[in-house]
Amino acid sequence: MARADSLTNADAEYLAQIWVDCEDCLGPDTALVDLRRESIDDSVRLVARYRLGKLERESAAVGESMLAAHAVLRARILFDRIRFGFSDLVERQ
């Protein structure tokens, strides 16, 4: 079961850095709306919610630490951007 974490100052600073990194990964025409950290047993789950066009999308990643989850989230965002962009293109036709 996932639960929201209360963050240490160091974790809060790192989460702010992850926010900036996610914005860079998302690229133009997107707006990061929310980024949260959750604990799942012995793992960390990061969830990024962002606005892409008129829709809000979400990408999530799990890792053994916040650093590991961050690395997975970067890859997940890039994959989801391609997937959502392709889906939007197909739906318009």
Protein backbone atom coordinates (compact mmCIF):
# COMPACT_ATOMS: atom_id res chain seq x y z
CA MET A 1 0.00 0.00 0.00
CA ALA A 2 1.34 3.42 -0.97
CA ARG A 3 1.44 6.27 1.51
CA ALA A 4 2.46 9.88 1.14
CA ASP A 5 5.70 10.69 2.90
CA SER A 6 6.65 13.50 5.17
CA LEU A 7 9.96 14.63 3.72
CA THR A 8 13.23 15.60 5.34
CA ASN A 9 14.71 18.91 4.19
CA ALA A 10 17.23 17.04 2.03
CA ASP A 11 14.49 14.94 0.41
CA ALA A 12 12.36 18.05 -0.19
CA GLU A 13 15.33 19.77 -1.89
CA TYR A 14 15.99 16.71 -4.02
CA LEU A 15 12.30 16.50 -4.95
CA ALA A 16 12.52 20.16 -6.08
CA GLN A 17 15.50 19.21 -8.28
CA ILE A 18 13.52 16.28 -9.69
CA TRP A 19 10.69 18.74 -10.50
CA VAL A 20 13.07 20.84 -12.62
CA ASP A 21 14.48 17.73 -14.28
CA CYS A 22 10.98 16.43 -15.09
CA GLU A 23 10.09 19.77 -16.68
CA ASP A 24 13.18 19.46 -18.87
CA CYS A 25 12.25 15.89 -19.82
CA LEU A 26 8.68 16.89 -20.64
CA GLY A 27 9.81 19.59 -23.02
CA PRO A 28 7.78 22.38 -24.61
CA ASP A 29 4.00 22.62 -24.54
CA THR A 30 3.72 20.72 -21.25
CA ALA A 31 3.20 21.91 -17.69
CA LEU A 32 4.19 19.88 -14.66
CA VAL A 33 1.21 20.03 -12.29
CA ASP A 34 2.28 17.79 -9.41
CA LEU A 35 5.19 15.64 -8.30
CA ARG A 36 4.86 13.46 -5.26
CA ARG A 37 6.82 10.82 -3.43
CA GLU A 38 5.14 7.80 -1.87
CA SER A 39 6.53 4.89 0.11
CA ILE A 40 5.64 1.36 -0.87
CA ASP A 41 7.06 -1.17 1.57
CA ASP A 42 10.84 -0.81 1.11
CA SER A 43 10.57 1.19 -2.14
CA VAL A 44 9.96 4.75 -3.26
CA ARG A 45 7.35 5.67 -5.84
CA LEU A 46 7.52 8.98 -7.69
CA VAL A 47 4.45 10.21 -9.53
CA ALA A 48 4.61 13.12 -11.98
CA ARG A 49 1.33 14.60 -13.20
CA TYR A 50 1.47 17.01 -16.10
CA ARG A 51 -0.72 18.79 -18.61
CA LEU A 52 -0.05 17.83 -22.21
CA GLY A 53 -2.34 19.71 -24.55
CA LYS A 54 -5.80 19.75 -23.03
CA LEU A 55 -5.31 16.53 -21.06
CA GLU A 56 -3.60 15.75 -17.78
CA ARG A 57 -1.32 12.73 -17.89
CA GLU A 58 0.62 10.84 -15.25
CA SER A 59 3.90 8.96 -15.26
CA ALA A 60 5.09 6.95 -12.28
CA ALA A 61 8.19 5.01 -11.31
CA VAL A 62 9.32 2.81 -8.44
CA GLY A 63 12.85 2.32 -7.17
CA GLU A 64 14.72 1.17 -4.08
CA SER A 65 15.59 4.81 -3.31
CA MET A 66 14.47 8.24 -4.47
CA LEU A 67 17.55 8.37 -6.72
CA ALA A 68 16.67 5.04 -8.33
CA ALA A 69 13.02 6.04 -8.75
CA HIS A 70 14.14 9.33 -10.31
CA ALA A 71 16.21 7.51 -12.94
CA VAL A 72 13.27 5.27 -13.80
CA LEU A 73 10.88 8.25 -13.86
CA ARG A 74 13.05 10.07 -16.42
CA ALA A 75 12.85 7.09 -18.77
CA ARG A 76 9.13 6.63 -18.09
CA ILE A 77 8.35 10.27 -18.89
CA LEU A 78 10.19 10.06 -22.20
CA PHE A 79 8.40 6.83 -23.10
CA ASP A 80 5.00 8.21 -22.07
CA ARG A 81 5.55 11.45 -24.02
CA ILE A 82 6.05 9.42 -27.19
CA ARG A 83 3.13 7.11 -26.39
CA PHE A 84 0.72 9.95 -25.52
CA GLY A 85 1.81 11.98 -28.55
CA PHE A 86 1.25 9.03 -30.88
CA SER A 87 -2.13 8.24 -29.27
CA ASP A 88 -3.24 11.86 -29.66
CA LEU A 89 -2.15 11.85 -33.30
CA VAL A 90 -4.06 8.65 -34.06
CA GLU A 91 -7.19 9.88 -32.25
CA ARG A 92 -7.23 13.09 -34.30
CA GLN A 93 -7.32 11.18 -37.59
